[in-house]
Amino acid sequence: MNKSLTKTLQMKKLVAEFIGTLWLVLGGCGSAVLAAGFPELGIGFVGVALAFGLTVVTMAYAIGHISGCHLNPAVSIGLWMGGRFEGKELVPYIIAQVLGGIAGAGILFTIASGQPGFELGGFAANGYGEHSPGGYSLLAALVSEVVMTFIFLFVILGATHSKAPKYLAGLAIGLCLTLIHLISIPVTNTSVNPARSTSQALFAGDWALDQLWLFWVAPIIGALLAGVVYKYLSPEKD
């Protein structure tokens, strides 16, 4: 394959990751900001959890064949640790995901601020302590994010394994993300995705930026652990 074609294919992957992560943030965080607490008709935690899952399901079938539909630095890192992703692609993927998340948050802010009396509030940012929806501690948030990301990557690695049923990976992964949100929204607003956390923190500012470190460190730890464990349990054979 010549260098020009290789660069074109790589760019297409990055564009796909940008768009996919934009959609994840706009769909998931957008449901939390715009629809979760809407008077009498709000979708609540269950609706937000389902929205995040649906963003992954829809994009899995839209761009899975282009970029693998990672949409998440922790996913890319976990797949690399599990032997499913080349290390040389990690940094470009992560940059595309973070930029896509920021673009999604920017669109969401533009829409949300169009309402009279708009107040930014937490803007669906992730937090712990007094900024946790349920007031959960830093330790609780850390454990939650590590474990939830571990399970998320464990399911991803299993659902995309060569021995797994074909065409069902996107559904399994999306449902897993929905379940993760149903469990952990009260704890941290659920991250398991540093790009999603970064995009919202940049707009919320202040405390959200101060606490952002946890939502990079914990998901990456969980992803690395999942990569090691799943590779041990069921390594892919060439």
Protein backbone atom coordinates (compact mmCIF):
# COMPACT_ATOMS: atom_id res chain seq x y z
CA MET A 1 0.00 0.00 0.00
CA ASN A 2 1.49 3.35 -1.00
CA LYS A 3 2.04 6.15 1.51
CA SER A 4 -0.62 8.42 0.00
CA LEU A 5 -3.33 5.77 0.35
CA THR A 6 -2.18 4.91 3.87
CA LYS A 7 -2.45 8.57 4.94
CA THR A 8 -5.90 8.86 3.38
CA LEU A 9 -7.16 5.78 5.22
CA GLN A 10 -5.69 7.04 8.48
CA MET A 11 -7.34 10.44 8.05
CA LYS A 12 -10.69 8.78 7.39
CA LYS A 13 -10.33 6.85 10.66
CA LEU A 14 -9.60 10.06 12.57
CA VAL A 15 -12.52 11.91 10.98
CA ALA A 16 -14.79 9.01 11.88
CA GLU A 17 -13.57 9.07 15.49
CA PHE A 18 -14.09 12.84 15.63
CA ILE A 19 -17.68 12.58 14.39
CA GLY A 20 -18.45 9.55 16.54
CA THR A 21 -17.19 11.16 19.74
CA LEU A 22 -19.02 14.37 18.88
CA TRP A 23 -22.22 12.33 18.65
CA LEU A 24 -21.54 10.52 21.92
CA VAL A 25 -21.14 13.82 23.79
CA LEU A 26 -24.01 15.57 22.05
CA GLY A 27 -26.35 12.61 22.45
CA GLY A 28 -25.36 11.50 25.94
CA CYS A 29 -24.52 14.78 27.65
CA GLY A 30 -27.19 16.53 25.58
CA SER A 31 -29.86 14.26 27.02
CA ALA A 32 -28.61 15.09 30.53
CA VAL A 33 -28.48 18.85 29.97
CA LEU A 34 -31.58 19.31 27.82
CA ALA A 35 -33.99 16.51 28.64
CA ALA A 36 -33.19 14.83 31.98
CA GLY A 37 -34.94 17.34 34.22
CA PHE A 38 -37.48 18.79 31.81
CA PRO A 39 -40.59 19.63 33.87
CA GLU A 40 -43.05 16.70 34.02
CA LEU A 41 -41.60 15.05 30.91
CA GLY A 42 -37.93 14.69 31.88
CA ILE A 43 -36.19 11.43 30.97
CA GLY A 44 -34.26 11.13 34.25
CA PHE A 45 -31.27 8.88 34.92
CA VAL A 46 -32.73 5.98 32.96
CA GLY A 47 -33.18 8.11 29.87
CA VAL A 48 -29.67 9.52 30.08
CA ALA A 49 -28.19 6.04 30.51
CA LEU A 50 -30.10 4.81 27.48
CA ALA A 51 -29.02 7.85 25.45
CA PHE A 52 -25.33 7.13 26.06
CA GLY A 53 -25.86 3.51 25.07
CA LEU A 54 -27.71 4.49 21.92
CA THR A 55 -24.93 6.80 20.78
CA VAL A 56 -22.53 3.86 20.87
CA VAL A 57 -24.93 1.43 19.18
CA THR A 58 -25.71 3.85 16.35
CA MET A 59 -22.09 4.79 15.74
CA ALA A 60 -20.88 1.19 16.02
CA TYR A 61 -22.81 0.37 12.86
CA ALA A 62 -22.06 3.72 11.21
CA ILE A 63 -18.28 3.88 11.64
CA GLY A 64 -17.23 0.56 13.14
CA HIS A 65 -16.00 -0.59 9.75
CA ILE A 66 -14.01 2.62 9.31
CA SER A 67 -12.25 3.25 12.61
CA GLY A 68 -13.44 0.53 14.97
CA CYS A 69 -15.70 3.06 16.73
CA HIS A 70 -13.60 3.62 19.85
CA LEU A 71 -14.98 7.10 20.73
CA ASN A 72 -12.96 7.00 23.93
CA PRO A 73 -9.24 7.26 24.80
CA ALA A 74 -9.66 4.52 27.41
CA VAL A 75 -11.10 2.18 24.79
CA SER A 76 -8.19 2.80 22.44
CA ILE A 77 -5.70 2.24 25.28
CA GLY A 78 -7.47 -0.92 26.45
CA LEU A 79 -7.58 -2.35 22.94
CA TRP A 80 -3.88 -1.60 22.54
CA MET A 81 -3.08 -3.34 25.83
CA GLY A 82 -5.22 -6.28 24.72
CA GLY A 83 -3.24 -6.61 21.50
CA ARG A 84 -6.06 -5.39 19.26
CA PHE A 85 -4.78 -1.93 18.30
CA GLU A 86 -1.47 -0.56 17.08
CA GLY A 87 0.40 1.71 19.47
CA LYS A 88 1.38 4.12 16.69
CA GLU A 89 -2.29 5.02 16.24
CA LEU A 90 -2.98 5.78 19.90
CA VAL A 91 -2.06 9.46 20.04
CA PRO A 92 -3.85 10.45 16.79
CA TYR A 93 -6.98 8.59 17.89
CA ILE A 94 -6.96 10.23 21.32
CA ILE A 95 -6.52 13.69 19.83
CA ALA A 96 -9.40 13.11 17.40
CA GLN A 97 -11.64 11.84 20.20
CA VAL A 98 -10.91 14.77 22.51
CA LEU A 99 -11.46 17.29 19.71
CA GLY A 100 -14.69 15.56 18.71
CA GLY A 101 -15.90 15.65 22.29
CA ILE A 102 -15.14 19.36 22.57
CA ALA A 103 -16.99 20.02 19.31
CA GLY A 104 -20.00 18.10 20.63
CA ALA A 105 -19.94 20.07 23.88
CA GLY A 106 -19.68 23.30 21.89
CA ILE A 107 -22.78 22.41 19.88
CA LEU A 108 -24.60 21.46 23.07
CA PHE A 109 -23.65 24.75 24.72
CA THR A 110 -24.90 26.70 21.70
CA ILE A 111 -28.25 24.90 21.83
CA ALA A 112 -28.64 25.04 25.62
CA SER A 113 -27.75 28.72 25.87
CA GLY A 114 -30.57 29.54 23.46
CA GLN A 115 -33.12 29.10 26.26
CA PRO A 116 -34.19 32.24 28.17
CA GLY A 117 -32.64 32.32 31.63
CA PHE A 118 -30.03 29.72 30.74
CA GLU A 119 -27.60 28.86 33.53
CA LEU A 120 -24.57 26.70 32.79
CA GLY A 121 -24.56 24.83 36.08
CA GLY A 122 -22.58 21.59 36.07
CA PHE A 123 -23.14 21.07 32.33
CA ALA A 124 -23.17 17.27 32.87
CA ALA A 125 -19.54 17.39 33.99
CA ASN A 126 -18.10 14.55 36.06
CA GLY A 127 -17.23 15.11 39.70
CA TYR A 128 -16.76 13.70 43.18
CA GLY A 129 -17.35 14.98 46.71
CA GLU A 130 -19.71 17.93 46.66
CA HIS A 131 -19.82 17.73 42.86
CA SER A 132 -20.96 14.11 42.79
CA PRO A 133 -24.74 13.85 42.17
CA GLY A 134 -25.00 11.71 45.31
CA GLY A 135 -22.17 13.32 47.26
CA TYR A 136 -19.85 10.32 46.88
CA SER A 137 -16.23 10.60 48.01
CA LEU A 138 -13.07 10.71 45.90
CA LEU A 139 -12.32 7.08 46.80
CA ALA A 140 -15.81 5.95 45.82
CA ALA A 141 -15.50 7.81 42.53
CA LEU A 142 -12.07 6.32 41.85
CA VAL A 143 -13.22 2.76 42.52
CA SER A 144 -16.38 3.26 40.48
CA GLU A 145 -14.57 4.63 37.44
CA VAL A 146 -11.82 1.99 37.50
CA VAL A 147 -14.26 -0.92 37.86
CA MET A 148 -16.83 0.40 35.37
CA THR A 149 -14.16 1.03 32.76
CA PHE A 150 -12.65 -2.39 33.39
CA ILE A 151 -16.01 -4.05 32.73
CA PHE A 152 -16.65 -1.84 29.70
CA LEU A 153 -13.35 -2.85 28.10
CA PHE A 154 -13.83 -6.47 29.14
CA VAL A 155 -17.14 -6.53 27.26
CA ILE A 156 -15.66 -4.70 24.26
CA LEU A 157 -12.76 -7.14 24.02
CA GLY A 158 -15.12 -10.08 24.30
CA ALA A 159 -17.79 -8.79 21.94
CA THR A 160 -15.23 -7.98 19.24
CA HIS A 161 -13.28 -11.23 19.60
CA SER A 162 -12.97 -13.32 16.44
CA LYS A 163 -14.89 -16.15 18.16
CA ALA A 164 -17.78 -13.91 19.24
CA PRO A 165 -21.08 -13.80 17.29
CA LYS A 166 -20.78 -11.45 14.33
CA TYR A 167 -22.80 -8.24 14.00
CA LEU A 168 -23.85 -8.18 17.66
CA ALA A 169 -20.83 -6.37 19.09
CA GLY A 170 -22.34 -2.89 18.78
CA LEU A 171 -25.50 -3.93 20.61
CA ALA A 172 -23.62 -5.65 23.43
CA ILE A 173 -21.26 -2.71 23.90
CA GLY A 174 -24.05 -0.14 23.82
CA LEU A 175 -26.13 -2.06 26.35
CA CYS A 176 -23.08 -2.42 28.58
CA LEU A 177 -22.56 1.35 28.54
CA THR A 178 -26.24 1.84 29.37
CA LEU A 179 -25.93 -0.47 32.38
CA ILE A 180 -22.75 1.28 33.50
CA HIS A 181 -24.61 4.61 33.51
CA LEU A 182 -27.56 3.13 35.38
CA ILE A 183 -25.14 2.08 38.12
CA SER A 184 -22.79 5.04 38.35
CA ILE A 185 -24.55 8.27 37.33
CA PRO A 186 -25.28 8.97 41.04
CA VAL A 187 -21.60 8.50 41.88
CA THR A 188 -19.72 10.57 39.29
CA ASN A 189 -22.23 11.39 36.54
CA THR A 190 -20.41 8.47 34.84
CA SER A 191 -17.32 9.09 32.80
CA VAL A 192 -15.45 5.90 31.77
CA ASN A 193 -14.35 8.19 28.95
CA PRO A 194 -11.69 10.91 29.34
CA ALA A 195 -12.75 12.65 26.11
CA ARG A 196 -16.35 13.00 27.37
CA SER A 197 -15.11 14.31 30.72
CA THR A 198 -12.69 16.79 29.17
CA SER A 199 -15.27 18.24 26.79
CA GLN A 200 -17.73 19.07 29.55
CA ALA A 201 -15.09 20.24 32.04
CA LEU A 202 -13.78 22.84 29.59
CA PHE A 203 -17.20 24.49 29.56
CA ALA A 204 -18.06 23.99 33.24
CA GLY A 205 -14.57 25.22 34.25
CA ASP A 206 -13.50 25.80 37.85
CA TRP A 207 -14.10 22.65 39.95
CA ALA A 208 -14.67 20.44 36.89
CA LEU A 209 -11.17 21.18 35.60
CA ASP A 210 -9.70 20.68 39.08
CA GLN A 211 -11.27 17.21 39.30
CA LEU A 212 -10.66 16.21 35.68
CA TRP A 213 -7.46 14.31 36.53
CA LEU A 214 -9.48 11.49 38.11
CA PHE A 215 -11.50 10.99 34.96
CA TRP A 216 -8.34 10.42 32.97
CA VAL A 217 -6.44 8.35 35.52
CA ALA A 218 -9.22 5.99 36.64
CA PRO A 219 -10.56 5.02 33.19
CA ILE A 220 -7.03 4.43 31.88
CA ILE A 221 -6.20 2.17 34.84
CA GLY A 222 -9.41 0.21 34.32
CA ALA A 223 -8.76 -0.11 30.59
CA LEU A 224 -5.17 -1.31 31.06
CA LEU A 225 -6.25 -3.92 33.59
CA ALA A 226 -9.01 -5.18 31.28
CA GLY A 227 -6.57 -5.43 28.38
CA VAL A 228 -4.17 -7.55 30.42
CA VAL A 229 -6.86 -9.81 31.90
CA TYR A 230 -8.75 -10.45 28.68
CA LYS A 231 -5.57 -11.09 26.72
CA TYR A 232 -4.72 -13.72 29.33
CA LEU A 233 -8.17 -15.31 29.21
CA SER A 234 -8.66 -15.36 25.45
CA PRO A 235 -5.83 -14.00 23.30
CA GLU A 236 -6.50 -13.46 19.61
CA LYS A 237 -4.56 -15.81 17.34
CA ASP A 238 -3.15 -14.57 14.04
